[in-house]
Amino acid sequence: SMSSSQSRSGGERMIHQDYIARIRYSNALPPPPIPPKLLDIPNTGLASGQYTAPGFASRLAREQPLNIEADAELGMPLDLVGMPGVFDGDESSIQAPAQPPPVHPHDRPLLRPLSTLGKPK
C-alpha cells in the first residue's frame, strides 16, 4: 500500500487498459470491367469559363442521350381502375386529405423548425 500511495503522489496514475489488437483487413477490389467514359466536349476548355455558367450542366444533360429502357409510364404504372369515382370526375380518392392525420408523438421531434436544429434544447 506504501508503493501505491507513492506513485499517486508522484503524478503518474495507474490506468487499467485491456489489450487492443489492431487488425487491418485487406479489401482488394478488382479493377473495373470497363474504362471510364471520357466525354469529348467541344469548346469547353478551362479558359472558356463555361464550366461556371449555370446553363453548362443543363446543356450537357440535354445533349447526352439517356441509356435506359423507359416504357410509356417510365417504370411507374398508375392504375386508376381501383380508385372510386375517378372516371366520374371525382378526384378526392387520389388527392391528399384536407385534414392531415395527427402526428405520432415519436415523430414530433422530426418536425422542429430549421432554426432550432443543432442547438441544445
PDB file of N, CA and C in Angstrom:
ATOM      1  N   SER A   1       0.834  -1.199   0.000  1.00  0.00           N
ATOM      2  CA  SER A   1       0.000   0.000   0.000  1.00  0.00           C
ATOM      3  C   SER A   1       0.872   1.254   0.000  1.00  0.00           C
ATOM      4  N   MET A   2       2.103   1.135   0.541  1.00  0.00           N
ATOM      5  CA  MET A   2       3.008   2.281   0.569  1.00  0.00           C
ATOM      6  C   MET A   2       3.404   2.685  -0.851  1.00  0.00           C
ATOM      7  N   SER A   3       3.661   1.668  -1.743  1.00  0.00           N
ATOM      8  CA  SER A   3       4.109   1.998  -3.097  1.00  0.00           C
ATOM      9  C   SER A   3       2.975   2.630  -3.907  1.00  0.00           C
ATOM     10  N   SER A   4       1.721   2.205  -3.671  1.00  0.00           N
ATOM     11  CA  SER A   4       0.624   2.781  -4.437  1.00  0.00           C
ATOM     12  C   SER A   4       0.417   4.237  -4.050  1.00  0.00           C
ATOM     13  N   SER A   5       0.587   4.592  -2.780  1.00  0.00           N
ATOM     14  CA  SER A   5       0.410   5.983  -2.392  1.00  0.00           C
ATOM     15  C   SER A   5       1.561   6.829  -2.927  1.00  0.00           C
ATOM     16  N   GLN A   6       2.756   6.246  -3.016  1.00  0.00           N
ATOM     17  CA  GLN A   6       3.885   6.999  -3.558  1.00  0.00           C
ATOM     18  C   GLN A   6       3.679   7.297  -5.041  1.00  0.00           C
ATOM     19  N   SER A   7       3.177   6.302  -5.823  1.00  0.00           N
ATOM     20  CA  SER A   7       3.022   6.526  -7.262  1.00  0.00           C
ATOM     21  C   SER A   7       1.906   7.531  -7.533  1.00  0.00           C
ATOM     22  N   ARG A   8       0.880   7.583  -6.680  1.00  0.00           N
ATOM     23  CA  ARG A   8      -0.188   8.556  -6.888  1.00  0.00           C
ATOM     24  C   ARG A   8       0.325   9.968  -6.640  1.00  0.00           C
ATOM     25  N   SER A   9       1.129  10.118  -5.576  1.00  0.00           N
ATOM     26  CA  SER A   9       1.605  11.459  -5.269  1.00  0.00           C
ATOM     27  C   SER A   9       2.677  11.895  -6.267  1.00  0.00           C
ATOM     28  N   GLY A  10       3.311  10.947  -6.929  1.00  0.00           N
ATOM     29  CA  GLY A  10       4.368  11.289  -7.879  1.00  0.00           C
ATOM     30  C   GLY A  10       3.823  11.819  -9.191  1.00  0.00           C
ATOM     31  N   GLY A  11       2.508  11.832  -9.398  1.00  0.00           N
ATOM     32  CA  GLY A  11       1.944  12.423 -10.589  1.00  0.00           C
ATOM     33  C   GLY A  11       1.568  11.400 -11.646  1.00  0.00           C
ATOM     34  N   GLU A  12       2.103  10.186 -11.582  1.00  0.00           N
ATOM     35  CA  GLU A  12       1.726   9.192 -12.590  1.00  0.00           C
ATOM     36  C   GLU A  12       0.645   8.301 -12.009  1.00  0.00           C
ATOM     37  N   ARG A  13      -0.513   8.240 -12.715  1.00  0.00           N
ATOM     38  CA  ARG A  13      -1.624   7.433 -12.215  1.00  0.00           C
ATOM     39  C   ARG A  13      -1.668   6.138 -12.985  1.00  0.00           C
ATOM     40  N   MET A  14      -2.002   5.071 -12.290  1.00  0.00           N
ATOM     41  CA  MET A  14      -2.116   3.763 -12.928  1.00  0.00           C
ATOM     42  C   MET A  14      -3.471   3.704 -13.639  1.00  0.00           C
ATOM     43  N   ILE A  15      -3.453   3.519 -14.951  1.00  0.00           N
ATOM     44  CA  ILE A  15      -4.689   3.406 -15.730  1.00  0.00           C
ATOM     45  C   ILE A  15      -4.772   1.992 -16.254  1.00  0.00           C
ATOM     46  N   HIS A  16      -5.852   1.291 -15.881  1.00  0.00           N
ATOM     47  CA  HIS A  16      -6.036  -0.081 -16.348  1.00  0.00           C
ATOM     48  C   HIS A  16      -6.589  -0.053 -17.765  1.00  0.00           C
ATOM     49  N   GLN A  17      -5.934  -0.752 -18.659  1.00  0.00           N
ATOM     50  CA  GLN A  17      -6.388  -0.781 -20.046  1.00  0.00           C
ATOM     51  C   GLN A  17      -6.218  -2.190 -20.587  1.00  0.00           C
ATOM     52  N   ASP A  18      -7.299  -2.712 -21.175  1.00  0.00           N
ATOM     53  CA  ASP A  18      -7.212  -4.029 -21.796  1.00  0.00           C
ATOM     54  C   ASP A  18      -6.386  -3.942 -23.072  1.00  0.00           C
ATOM     55  N   TYR A  19      -5.855  -5.082 -23.484  1.00  0.00           N
ATOM     56  CA  TYR A  19      -5.034  -5.119 -24.689  1.00  0.00           C
ATOM     57  C   TYR A  19      -5.916  -4.924 -25.914  1.00  0.00           C
ATOM     58  N   ILE A  20      -5.527  -4.022 -26.780  1.00  0.00           N
ATOM     59  CA  ILE A  20      -6.272  -3.756 -28.011  1.00  0.00           C
ATOM     60  C   ILE A  20      -5.385  -4.140 -29.181  1.00  0.00           C
ATOM     61  N   ALA A  21      -5.859  -5.079 -29.984  1.00  0.00           N
ATOM     62  CA  ALA A  21      -5.095  -5.514 -31.152  1.00  0.00           C
ATOM     63  C   ALA A  21      -5.601  -4.771 -32.376  1.00  0.00           C
ATOM     64  N   ARG A  22      -4.686  -4.213 -33.143  1.00  0.00           N
ATOM     65  CA  ARG A  22      -5.057  -3.504 -34.364  1.00  0.00           C
ATOM     66  C   ARG A  22      -4.927  -4.484 -35.528  1.00  0.00           C
ATOM     67  N   ILE A  23      -6.065  -4.791 -36.135  1.00  0.00           N
ATOM     68  CA  ILE A  23      -6.088  -5.737 -37.251  1.00  0.00           C
ATOM     69  C   ILE A  23      -6.454  -4.973 -38.506  1.00  0.00           C
ATOM     70  N   ARG A  24      -5.694  -5.147 -39.565  1.00  0.00           N
ATOM     71  CA  ARG A  24      -6.004  -4.500 -40.838  1.00  0.00           C
ATOM     72  C   ARG A  24      -6.476  -5.565 -41.793  1.00  0.00           C
ATOM     73  N   TYR A  25      -7.738  -5.441 -42.236  1.00  0.00           N
ATOM     74  CA  TYR A  25      -8.282  -6.365 -43.212  1.00  0.00           C
ATOM     75  C   TYR A  25      -8.034  -5.807 -44.605  1.00  0.00           C
ATOM     76  N   SER A  26      -7.603  -6.647 -45.505  1.00  0.00           N
ATOM     77  CA  SER A  26      -7.398  -6.163 -46.868  1.00  0.00           C
ATOM     78  C   SER A  26      -8.693  -6.320 -47.645  1.00  0.00           C
ATOM     79  N   ASN A  27      -8.998  -5.330 -48.459  1.00  0.00           N
ATOM     80  CA  ASN A  27     -10.205  -5.353 -49.270  1.00  0.00           C
ATOM     81  C   ASN A  27      -9.772  -5.032 -50.693  1.00  0.00           C
ATOM     82  N   ALA A  28      -9.165  -6.011 -51.330  1.00  0.00           N
ATOM     83  CA  ALA A  28      -8.613  -5.785 -52.664  1.00  0.00           C
ATOM     84  C   ALA A  28      -9.721  -5.942 -53.689  1.00  0.00           C
ATOM     85  N   LEU A  29     -10.110  -4.832 -54.291  1.00  0.00           N
ATOM     86  CA  LEU A  29     -11.162  -4.875 -55.298  1.00  0.00           C
ATOM     87  C   LEU A  29     -10.532  -5.072 -56.670  1.00  0.00           C
ATOM     88  N   PRO A  30     -11.189  -5.830 -57.545  1.00  0.00           N
ATOM     89  CA  PRO A  30     -10.653  -5.979 -58.899  1.00  0.00           C
ATOM     90  C   PRO A  30     -10.811  -4.671 -59.659  1.00  0.00           C
ATOM     91  N   PRO A  31     -10.037  -4.469 -60.700  1.00  0.00           N
ATOM     92  CA  PRO A  31     -10.201  -3.245 -61.493  1.00  0.00           C
ATOM     93  C   PRO A  31     -11.559  -3.242 -62.167  1.00  0.00           C
ATOM     94  N   PRO A  32     -12.119  -2.061 -62.456  1.00  0.00           N
ATOM     95  CA  PRO A  32     -13.443  -2.014 -63.080  1.00  0.00           C
ATOM     96  C   PRO A  32     -13.413  -2.698 -64.448  1.00  0.00           C
ATOM     97  N   PRO A  33     -14.515  -3.317 -64.854  1.00  0.00           N
ATOM     98  CA  PRO A  33     -14.519  -4.077 -66.113  1.00  0.00           C
ATOM     99  C   PRO A  33     -14.409  -3.183 -67.343  1.00  0.00           C
ATOM    100  N   ILE A  34     -14.881  -1.920 -67.246  1.00  0.00           N
ATOM    101  CA  ILE A  34     -14.845  -1.044 -68.402  1.00  0.00           C
ATOM    102  C   ILE A  34     -14.084   0.214 -67.994  1.00  0.00           C
ATOM    103  N   PRO A  35     -13.251   0.761 -68.860  1.00  0.00           N
ATOM    104  CA  PRO A  35     -12.593   2.023 -68.504  1.00  0.00           C
ATOM    105  C   PRO A  35     -13.617   3.146 -68.417  1.00  0.00           C
ATOM    106  N   PRO A  36     -13.316   4.241 -67.724  1.00  0.00           N
ATOM    107  CA  PRO A  36     -14.277   5.338 -67.601  1.00  0.00           C
ATOM    108  C   PRO A  36     -14.557   5.960 -68.962  1.00  0.00           C
ATOM    109  N   LYS A  37     -15.772   6.418 -69.123  1.00  0.00           N
ATOM    110  CA  LYS A  37     -16.183   7.032 -70.385  1.00  0.00           C
ATOM    111  C   LYS A  37     -15.837   8.513 -70.337  1.00  0.00           C
ATOM    112  N   LEU A  38     -14.857   8.908 -71.123  1.00  0.00           N
ATOM    113  CA  LEU A  38     -14.453  10.307 -71.166  1.00  0.00           C
ATOM    114  C   LEU A  38     -15.191  10.982 -72.308  1.00  0.00           C
ATOM    115  N   LEU A  39     -15.913  12.042 -71.978  1.00  0.00           N
ATOM    116  CA  LEU A  39     -16.697  12.746 -72.984  1.00  0.00           C
ATOM    117  C   LEU A  39     -15.827  13.803 -73.648  1.00  0.00           C
ATOM    118  N   ASP A  40     -15.870  13.839 -74.963  1.00  0.00           N
ATOM    119  CA  ASP A  40     -15.176  14.891 -75.690  1.00  0.00           C
ATOM    120  C   ASP A  40     -16.164  16.028 -75.904  1.00  0.00           C
ATOM    121  N   ILE A  41     -16.044  17.073 -75.075  1.00  0.00           N
ATOM    122  CA  ILE A  41     -16.991  18.173 -75.110  1.00  0.00           C
ATOM    123  C   ILE A  41     -16.330  19.314 -75.862  1.00  0.00           C
ATOM    124  N   PRO A  42     -16.885  19.761 -76.982  1.00  0.00           N
ATOM    125  CA  PRO A  42     -16.223  20.818 -77.746  1.00  0.00           C
ATOM    126  C   PRO A  42     -16.276  22.163 -77.020  1.00  0.00           C
ATOM    127  N   ASN A  43     -15.254  22.978 -77.316  1.00  0.00           N
ATOM    128  CA  ASN A  43     -15.016  24.332 -76.784  1.00  0.00           C
ATOM    129  C   ASN A  43     -15.450  24.519 -75.332  1.00  0.00           C
ATOM    130  N   THR A  44     -15.001  23.599 -74.472  1.00  0.00           N
ATOM    131  CA  THR A  44     -15.289  23.755 -73.041  1.00  0.00           C
ATOM    132  C   THR A  44     -13.990  23.697 -72.255  1.00  0.00           C
ATOM    133  N   GLY A  45     -12.946  24.288 -72.794  1.00  0.00           N
ATOM    134  CA  GLY A  45     -11.688  24.301 -72.059  1.00  0.00           C
ATOM    135  C   GLY A  45     -11.806  25.122 -70.792  1.00  0.00           C
ATOM    136  N   LEU A  46     -10.818  24.984 -69.930  1.00  0.00           N
ATOM    137  CA  LEU A  46     -10.848  25.746 -68.682  1.00  0.00           C
ATOM    138  C   LEU A  46     -10.789  27.237 -68.951  1.00  0.00           C
ATOM    139  N   ALA A  47     -10.146  27.640 -70.061  1.00  0.00           N
ATOM    140  CA  ALA A  47     -10.020  29.064 -70.352  1.00  0.00           C
ATOM    141  C   ALA A  47     -11.347  29.676 -70.777  1.00  0.00           C
ATOM    142  N   SER A  48     -12.263  28.852 -71.315  1.00  0.00           N
ATOM    143  CA  SER A  48     -13.517  29.423 -71.814  1.00  0.00           C
ATOM    144  C   SER A  48     -14.424  29.882 -70.681  1.00  0.00           C
ATOM    145  N   GLY A  49     -14.255  29.320 -69.483  1.00  0.00           N
ATOM    146  CA  GLY A  49     -15.067  29.723 -68.349  1.00  0.00           C
ATOM    147  C   GLY A  49     -16.498  29.240 -68.404  1.00  0.00           C
ATOM    148  N   GLN A  50     -16.797  28.308 -69.314  1.00  0.00           N
ATOM    149  CA  GLN A  50     -18.182  27.855 -69.416  1.00  0.00           C
ATOM    150  C   GLN A  50     -18.570  26.897 -68.291  1.00  0.00           C
ATOM    151  N   TYR A  51     -17.585  26.340 -67.602  1.00  0.00           N
ATOM    152  CA  TYR A  51     -17.906  25.406 -66.524  1.00  0.00           C
ATOM    153  C   TYR A  51     -18.696  26.085 -65.415  1.00  0.00           C
ATOM    154  N   THR A  52     -18.475  27.387 -65.227  1.00  0.00           N
ATOM    155  CA  THR A  52     -19.130  28.082 -64.127  1.00  0.00           C
ATOM    156  C   THR A  52     -20.465  28.681 -64.542  1.00  0.00           C
ATOM    157  N   ALA A  53     -20.796  28.610 -65.844  1.00  0.00           N
ATOM    158  CA  ALA A  53     -22.074  29.163 -66.272  1.00  0.00           C
ATOM    159  C   ALA A  53     -23.194  28.208 -65.869  1.00  0.00           C
ATOM    160  N   PRO A  54     -24.347  28.726 -65.443  1.00  0.00           N
ATOM    161  CA  PRO A  54     -25.416  27.832 -64.971  1.00  0.00           C
ATOM    162  C   PRO A  54     -25.974  26.927 -66.063  1.00  0.00           C
ATOM    163  N   GLY A  55     -25.947  27.378 -67.322  1.00  0.00           N
ATOM    164  CA  GLY A  55     -26.513  26.543 -68.373  1.00  0.00           C
ATOM    165  C   GLY A  55     -25.616  25.432 -68.832  1.00  0.00           C
ATOM    166  N   PHE A  56     -24.390  25.348 -68.310  1.00  0.00           N
ATOM    167  CA  PHE A  56     -23.447  24.345 -68.809  1.00  0.00           C
ATOM    168  C   PHE A  56     -23.932  22.931 -68.521  1.00  0.00           C
ATOM    169  N   ALA A  57     -24.327  22.685 -67.263  1.00  0.00           N
ATOM    170  CA  ALA A  57     -24.729  21.329 -66.886  1.00  0.00           C
ATOM    171  C   ALA A  57     -26.038  20.931 -67.552  1.00  0.00           C
ATOM    172  N   SER A  58     -26.970  21.866 -67.667  1.00  0.00           N
ATOM    173  CA  SER A  58     -28.247  21.505 -68.287  1.00  0.00           C
ATOM    174  C   SER A  58     -28.063  21.238 -69.774  1.00  0.00           C
ATOM    175  N   ARG A  59     -27.172  22.010 -70.434  1.00  0.00           N
ATOM    176  CA  ARG A  59     -26.912  21.730 -71.849  1.00  0.00           C
ATOM    177  C   ARG A  59     -26.241  20.365 -72.001  1.00  0.00           C
ATOM    178  N   LEU A  60     -25.324  20.045 -71.086  1.00  0.00           N
ATOM    179  CA  LEU A  60     -24.641  18.761 -71.131  1.00  0.00           C
ATOM    180  C   LEU A  60     -25.644  17.631 -70.959  1.00  0.00           C
ATOM    181  N   ALA A  61     -26.585  17.793 -70.027  1.00  0.00           N
ATOM    182  CA  ALA A  61     -27.581  16.744 -69.797  1.00  0.00           C
ATOM    183  C   ALA A  61     -28.521  16.610 -70.984  1.00  0.00           C
ATOM    184  N   ARG A  62     -28.825  17.734 -71.651  1.00  0.00           N
ATOM    185  CA  ARG A  62     -29.692  17.664 -72.830  1.00  0.00           C
ATOM    186  C   ARG A  62     -29.032  16.904 -73.967  1.00  0.00           C
ATOM    187  N   GLU A  63     -27.718  17.118 -74.152  1.00  0.00           N
ATOM    188  CA  GLU A  63     -27.045  16.512 -75.292  1.00  0.00           C
ATOM    189  C   GLU A  63     -26.743  15.041 -75.074  1.00  0.00           C
ATOM    190  N   GLN A  64     -26.649  14.598 -73.814  1.00  0.00           N
ATOM    191  CA  GLN A  64     -26.330  13.188 -73.565  1.00  0.00           C
ATOM    192  C   GLN A  64     -27.606  12.371 -73.624  1.00  0.00           C
ATOM    193  N   PRO A  65     -27.677  11.372 -74.489  1.00  0.00           N
ATOM    194  CA  PRO A  65     -28.890  10.545 -74.541  1.00  0.00           C
ATOM    195  C   PRO A  65     -28.995   9.649 -73.312  1.00  0.00           C
ATOM    196  N   LEU A  66     -30.230   9.398 -72.891  1.00  0.00           N
ATOM    197  CA  LEU A  66     -30.452   8.501 -71.766  1.00  0.00           C
ATOM    198  C   LEU A  66     -30.276   7.063 -72.251  1.00  0.00           C
ATOM    199  N   ASN A  67     -29.423   6.322 -71.579  1.00  0.00           N
ATOM    200  CA  ASN A  67     -29.227   4.931 -71.985  1.00  0.00           C
ATOM    201  C   ASN A  67     -30.011   3.990 -71.073  1.00  0.00           C
ATOM    202  N   ILE A  68     -31.278   4.338 -70.798  1.00  0.00           N
ATOM    203  CA  ILE A  68     -32.118   3.459 -70.001  1.00  0.00           C
ATOM    204  C   ILE A  68     -33.330   3.098 -70.828  1.00  0.00           C
ATOM    205  N   GLU A  69     -33.821   1.896 -70.595  1.00  0.00           N
ATOM    206  CA  GLU A  69     -35.042   1.463 -71.266  1.00  0.00           C
ATOM    207  C   GLU A  69     -36.223   2.016 -70.477  1.00  0.00           C
ATOM    208  N   ALA A  70     -36.955   2.947 -71.074  1.00  0.00           N
ATOM    209  CA  ALA A  70     -38.077   3.559 -70.380  1.00  0.00           C
ATOM    210  C   ALA A  70     -39.361   3.222 -71.132  1.00  0.00           C
ATOM    211  N   ASP A  71     -40.324   2.652 -70.411  1.00  0.00           N
ATOM    212  CA  ASP A  71     -41.612   2.380 -71.041  1.00  0.00           C
ATOM    213  C   ASP A  71     -42.448   3.658 -71.021  1.00  0.00           C
ATOM    214  N   ALA A  72     -43.680   3.553 -71.507  1.00  0.00           N
ATOM    215  CA  ALA A  72     -44.517   4.745 -71.634  1.00  0.00           C
ATOM    216  C   ALA A  72     -44.824   5.362 -70.273  1.00  0.00           C
ATOM    217  N   GLU A  73     -44.877   4.531 -69.207  1.00  0.00           N
ATOM    218  CA  GLU A  73     -45.202   5.058 -67.877  1.00  0.00           C
ATOM    219  C   GLU A  73     -43.957   5.297 -67.035  1.00  0.00           C
ATOM    220  N   LEU A  74     -42.786   5.250 -67.664  1.00  0.00           N
ATOM    221  CA  LEU A  74     -41.500   5.498 -67.004  1.00  0.00           C
ATOM    222  C   LEU A  74     -41.296   4.594 -65.794  1.00  0.00           C
ATOM    223  N   GLY A  75     -41.733   3.346 -65.919  1.00  0.00           N
ATOM    224  CA  GLY A  75     -41.472   2.372 -64.874  1.00  0.00           C
ATOM    225  C   GLY A  75     -42.392   2.451 -63.678  1.00  0.00           C
ATOM    226  N   MET A  76     -43.357   3.374 -63.665  1.00  0.00           N
ATOM    227  CA  MET A  76     -44.252   3.505 -62.509  1.00  0.00           C
ATOM    228  C   MET A  76     -45.679   3.552 -63.012  1.00  0.00           C
ATOM    229  N   PRO A  77     -46.286   2.390 -63.234  1.00  0.00           N
ATOM    230  CA  PRO A  77     -47.652   2.390 -63.769  1.00  0.00           C
ATOM    231  C   PRO A  77     -48.653   2.915 -62.745  1.00  0.00           C
ATOM    232  N   LEU A  78     -49.587   3.718 -63.217  1.00  0.00           N
ATOM    233  CA  LEU A  78     -50.636   4.255 -62.364  1.00  0.00           C
ATOM    234  C   LEU A  78     -51.947   3.610 -62.798  1.00  0.00           C
ATOM    235  N   ASP A  79     -52.453   2.717 -61.987  1.00  0.00           N
ATOM    236  CA  ASP A  79     -53.695   2.034 -62.310  1.00  0.00           C
ATOM    237  C   ASP A  79     -54.825   2.722 -61.558  1.00  0.00           C
ATOM    238  N   LEU A  80     -55.686   3.432 -62.291  1.00  0.00           N
ATOM    239  CA  LEU A  80     -56.756   4.196 -61.659  1.00  0.00           C
ATOM    240  C   LEU A  80     -58.057   3.415 -61.566  1.00  0.00           C
ATOM    241  N   VAL A  81     -58.036   2.139 -61.988  1.00  0.00           N
ATOM    242  CA  VAL A  81     -59.294   1.388 -62.023  1.00  0.00           C
ATOM    243  C   VAL A  81     -59.865   1.213 -60.621  1.00  0.00           C
ATOM    244  N   GLY A  82     -58.991   0.979 -59.617  1.00  0.00           N
ATOM    245  CA  GLY A  82     -59.499   0.727 -58.276  1.00  0.00           C
ATOM    246  C   GLY A  82     -59.878   1.969 -57.496  1.00  0.00           C
ATOM    247  N   MET A  83     -59.620   3.155 -58.040  1.00  0.00           N
ATOM    248  CA  MET A  83     -59.921   4.381 -57.300  1.00  0.00           C
ATOM    249  C   MET A  83     -61.377   4.758 -57.512  1.00  0.00           C
ATOM    250  N   PRO A  84     -62.146   4.905 -56.422  1.00  0.00           N
ATOM    251  CA  PRO A  84     -63.577   5.168 -56.600  1.00  0.00           C
ATOM    252  C   PRO A  84     -63.835   6.575 -57.127  1.00  0.00           C
ATOM    253  N   GLY A  85     -64.680   6.674 -58.140  1.00  0.00           N
ATOM    254  CA  GLY A  85     -65.151   7.955 -58.644  1.00  0.00           C
ATOM    255  C   GLY A  85     -64.184   8.687 -59.548  1.00  0.00           C
ATOM    256  N   VAL A  86     -63.021   8.100 -59.881  1.00  0.00           N
ATOM    257  CA  VAL A  86     -62.034   8.820 -60.674  1.00  0.00           C
ATOM    258  C   VAL A  86     -62.573   9.101 -62.069  1.00  0.00           C
ATOM    259  N   PHE A  87     -63.257   8.114 -62.666  1.00  0.00           N
ATOM    260  CA  PHE A  87     -63.724   8.278 -64.032  1.00  0.00           C
ATOM    261  C   PHE A  87     -65.004   9.104 -64.120  1.00  0.00           C
ATOM    262  N   ASP A  88     -65.582   9.463 -62.961  1.00  0.00           N
ATOM    263  CA  ASP A  88     -66.729  10.363 -62.948  1.00  0.00           C
ATOM    264  C   ASP A  88     -66.307  11.803 -62.676  1.00  0.00           C
ATOM    265  N   GLY A  89     -65.011  12.063 -62.651  1.00  0.00           N
ATOM    266  CA  GLY A  89     -64.525  13.416 -62.388  1.00  0.00           C
ATOM    267  C   GLY A  89     -64.270  13.706 -60.929  1.00  0.00           C
ATOM    268  N   ASP A  90     -64.508  12.729 -60.027  1.00  0.00           N
ATOM    269  CA  ASP A  90     -64.271  12.939 -58.595  1.00  0.00           C
ATOM    270  C   ASP A  90     -62.866  12.451 -58.275  1.00  0.00           C
ATOM    271  N   GLU A  91     -61.933  13.386 -58.044  1.00  0.00           N
ATOM    272  CA  GLU A  91     -60.543  13.007 -57.787  1.00  0.00           C
ATOM    273  C   GLU A  91     -60.204  13.004 -56.300  1.00  0.00           C
ATOM    274  N   SER A  92     -61.209  12.979 -55.432  1.00  0.00           N
ATOM    275  CA  SER A  92     -60.915  13.056 -53.996  1.00  0.00           C
ATOM    276  C   SER A  92     -60.164  11.825 -53.502  1.00  0.00           C
ATOM    277  N   SER A  93     -60.334  10.674 -54.171  1.00  0.00           N
ATOM    278  CA  SER A  93     -59.656   9.471 -53.689  1.00  0.00           C
ATOM    279  C   SER A  93     -58.167   9.488 -53.992  1.00  0.00           C
ATOM    280  N   ILE A  94     -57.725  10.333 -54.939  1.00  0.00           N
ATOM    281  CA  ILE A  94     -56.292  10.377 -55.228  1.00  0.00           C
ATOM    282  C   ILE A  94     -55.668  11.685 -54.754  1.00  0.00           C
ATOM    283  N   GLN A  95     -56.422  12.531 -54.085  1.00  0.00           N
ATOM    284  CA  GLN A  95     -55.871  13.772 -53.554  1.00  0.00           C
ATOM    285  C   GLN A  95     -55.438  13.552 -52.103  1.00  0.00           C
ATOM    286  N   ALA A  96     -54.551  14.417 -51.641  1.00  0.00           N
ATOM    287  CA  ALA A  96     -54.156  14.374 -50.235  1.00  0.00           C
ATOM    288  C   ALA A  96     -55.344  14.816 -49.386  1.00  0.00           C
ATOM    289  N   PRO A  97     -55.489  14.269 -48.178  1.00  0.00           N
ATOM    290  CA  PRO A  97     -56.632  14.655 -47.336  1.00  0.00           C
ATOM    291  C   PRO A  97     -56.547  16.124 -46.927  1.00  0.00           C
ATOM    292  N   ALA A  98     -57.720  16.756 -46.795  1.00  0.00           N
ATOM    293  CA  ALA A  98     -57.744  18.166 -46.402  1.00  0.00           C
ATOM    294  C   ALA A  98     -57.214  18.349 -44.985  1.00  0.00           C
ATOM    295  N   GLN A  99     -57.568  17.429 -44.085  1.00  0.00           N
ATOM    296  CA  GLN A  99     -57.031  17.459 -42.731  1.00  0.00           C
ATOM    297  C   GLN A  99     -55.894  16.448 -42.644  1.00  0.00           C
ATOM    298  N   PRO A 100     -54.660  16.884 -42.430  1.00  0.00           N
ATOM    299  CA  PRO A 100     -53.576  15.897 -42.305  1.00  0.00           C
ATOM    300  C   PRO A 100     -53.774  15.042 -41.068  1.00  0.00           C
ATOM    301  N   PRO A 101     -53.370  13.783 -41.111  1.00  0.00           N
ATOM    302  CA  PRO A 101     -53.539  12.909 -39.942  1.00  0.00           C
ATOM    303  C   PRO A 101     -52.701  13.414 -38.768  1.00  0.00           C
ATOM    304  N   PRO A 102     -53.128  13.110 -37.532  1.00  0.00           N
ATOM    305  CA  PRO A 102     -52.363  13.587 -36.365  1.00  0.00           C
ATOM    306  C   PRO A 102     -50.963  12.984 -36.340  1.00  0.00           C
ATOM    307  N   VAL A 103     -50.023  13.777 -35.847  1.00  0.00           N
ATOM    308  CA  VAL A 103     -48.632  13.344 -35.795  1.00  0.00           C
ATOM    309  C   VAL A 103     -48.422  12.473 -34.571  1.00  0.00           C
ATOM    310  N   HIS A 104     -47.762  11.333 -34.762  1.00  0.00           N
ATOM    311  CA  HIS A 104     -47.444  10.445 -33.644  1.00  0.00           C
ATOM    312  C   HIS A 104     -46.429  11.149 -32.733  1.00  0.00           C
ATOM    313  N   PRO A 105     -46.530  10.974 -31.422  1.00  0.00           N
ATOM    314  CA  PRO A 105     -45.586  11.660 -30.519  1.00  0.00           C
ATOM    315  C   PRO A 105     -44.121  11.331 -30.807  1.00  0.00           C
ATOM    316  N   HIS A 106     -43.851  10.110 -31.301  1.00  0.00           N
ATOM    317  CA  HIS A 106     -42.457   9.766 -31.623  1.00  0.00           C
ATOM    318  C   HIS A 106     -41.928  10.605 -32.780  1.00  0.00           C
ATOM    319  N   ASP A 107     -42.804  11.069 -33.664  1.00  0.00           N
ATOM    320  CA  ASP A 107     -42.378  11.814 -34.841  1.00  0.00           C
ATOM    321  C   ASP A 107     -42.328  13.320 -34.616  1.00  0.00           C
ATOM    322  N   ARG A 108     -42.834  13.781 -33.458  1.00  0.00           N
ATOM    323  CA  ARG A 108     -42.879  15.222 -33.254  1.00  0.00           C
ATOM    324  C   ARG A 108     -41.506  15.874 -33.252  1.00  0.00           C
ATOM    325  N   PRO A 109     -40.441  15.254 -32.687  1.00  0.00           N
ATOM    326  CA  PRO A 109     -39.112  15.910 -32.755  1.00  0.00           C
ATOM    327  C   PRO A 109     -38.613  16.108 -34.192  1.00  0.00           C
ATOM    328  N   LEU A 110     -39.112  15.331 -35.127  1.00  0.00           N
ATOM    329  CA  LEU A 110     -38.668  15.483 -36.510  1.00  0.00           C
ATOM    330  C   LEU A 110     -39.249  16.721 -37.169  1.00  0.00           C
ATOM    331  N   LEU A 111     -40.291  17.302 -36.595  1.00  0.00           N
ATOM    332  CA  LEU A 111     -40.963  18.438 -37.201  1.00  0.00           C
ATOM    333  C   LEU A 111     -40.535  19.772 -36.584  1.00  0.00           C
ATOM    334  N   ARG A 112     -39.363  19.782 -35.967  1.00  0.00           N
ATOM    335  CA  ARG A 112     -38.860  21.046 -35.405  1.00  0.00           C
ATOM    336  C   ARG A 112     -38.572  22.015 -36.530  1.00  0.00           C
ATOM    337  N   PRO A 113     -38.705  23.325 -36.276  1.00  0.00           N
ATOM    338  CA  PRO A 113     -38.310  24.294 -37.315  1.00  0.00           C
ATOM    339  C   PRO A 113     -36.802  24.228 -37.549  1.00  0.00           C
ATOM    340  N   LEU A 114     -36.381  24.610 -38.747  1.00  0.00           N
ATOM    341  CA  LEU A 114     -34.975  24.514 -39.125  1.00  0.00           C
ATOM    342  C   LEU A 114     -34.087  25.393 -38.246  1.00  0.00           C
ATOM    343  N   SER A 115     -34.653  26.490 -37.721  1.00  0.00           N
ATOM    344  CA  SER A 115     -33.827  27.402 -36.946  1.00  0.00           C
ATOM    345  C   SER A 115     -33.394  26.783 -35.622  1.00  0.00           C
ATOM    346  N   THR A 116     -34.085  25.735 -35.146  1.00  0.00           N
ATOM    347  CA  THR A 116     -33.721  25.137 -33.860  1.00  0.00           C
ATOM    348  C   THR A 116     -32.765  23.973 -34.026  1.00  0.00           C
ATOM    349  N   LEU A 117     -32.433  23.584 -35.272  1.00  0.00           N
ATOM    350  CA  LEU A 117     -31.557  22.437 -35.455  1.00  0.00           C
ATOM    351  C   LEU A 117     -30.141  22.771 -35.006  1.00  0.00           C
ATOM    352  N   GLY A 118     -29.503  21.802 -34.384  1.00  0.00           N
ATOM    353  CA  GLY A 118     -28.124  21.984 -33.964  1.00  0.00           C
ATOM    354  C   GLY A 118     -27.946  22.768 -32.686  1.00  0.00           C
ATOM    355  N   LYS A 119     -29.041  23.186 -32.065  1.00  0.00           N
ATOM    356  CA  LYS A 119     -28.939  23.920 -30.808  1.00  0.00           C
ATOM    357  C   LYS A 119     -29.440  23.034 -29.679  1.00  0.00           C
ATOM    358  N   PRO A 120     -28.885  23.153 -28.484  1.00  0.00           N
ATOM    359  CA  PRO A 120     -29.416  22.358 -27.366  1.00  0.00           C
ATOM    360  C   PRO A 120     -30.831  22.784 -27.030  1.00  0.00           C
ATOM    361  N   LYS A 121     -31.530  21.866 -26.365  1.00  0.00           N
ATOM    362  CA  LYS A 121     -32.935  22.126 -26.064  1.00  0.00           C
ATOM    363  C   LYS A 121     -33.074  23.318 -25.133  1.00  0.00           C
TER     364      LYS A 121
END
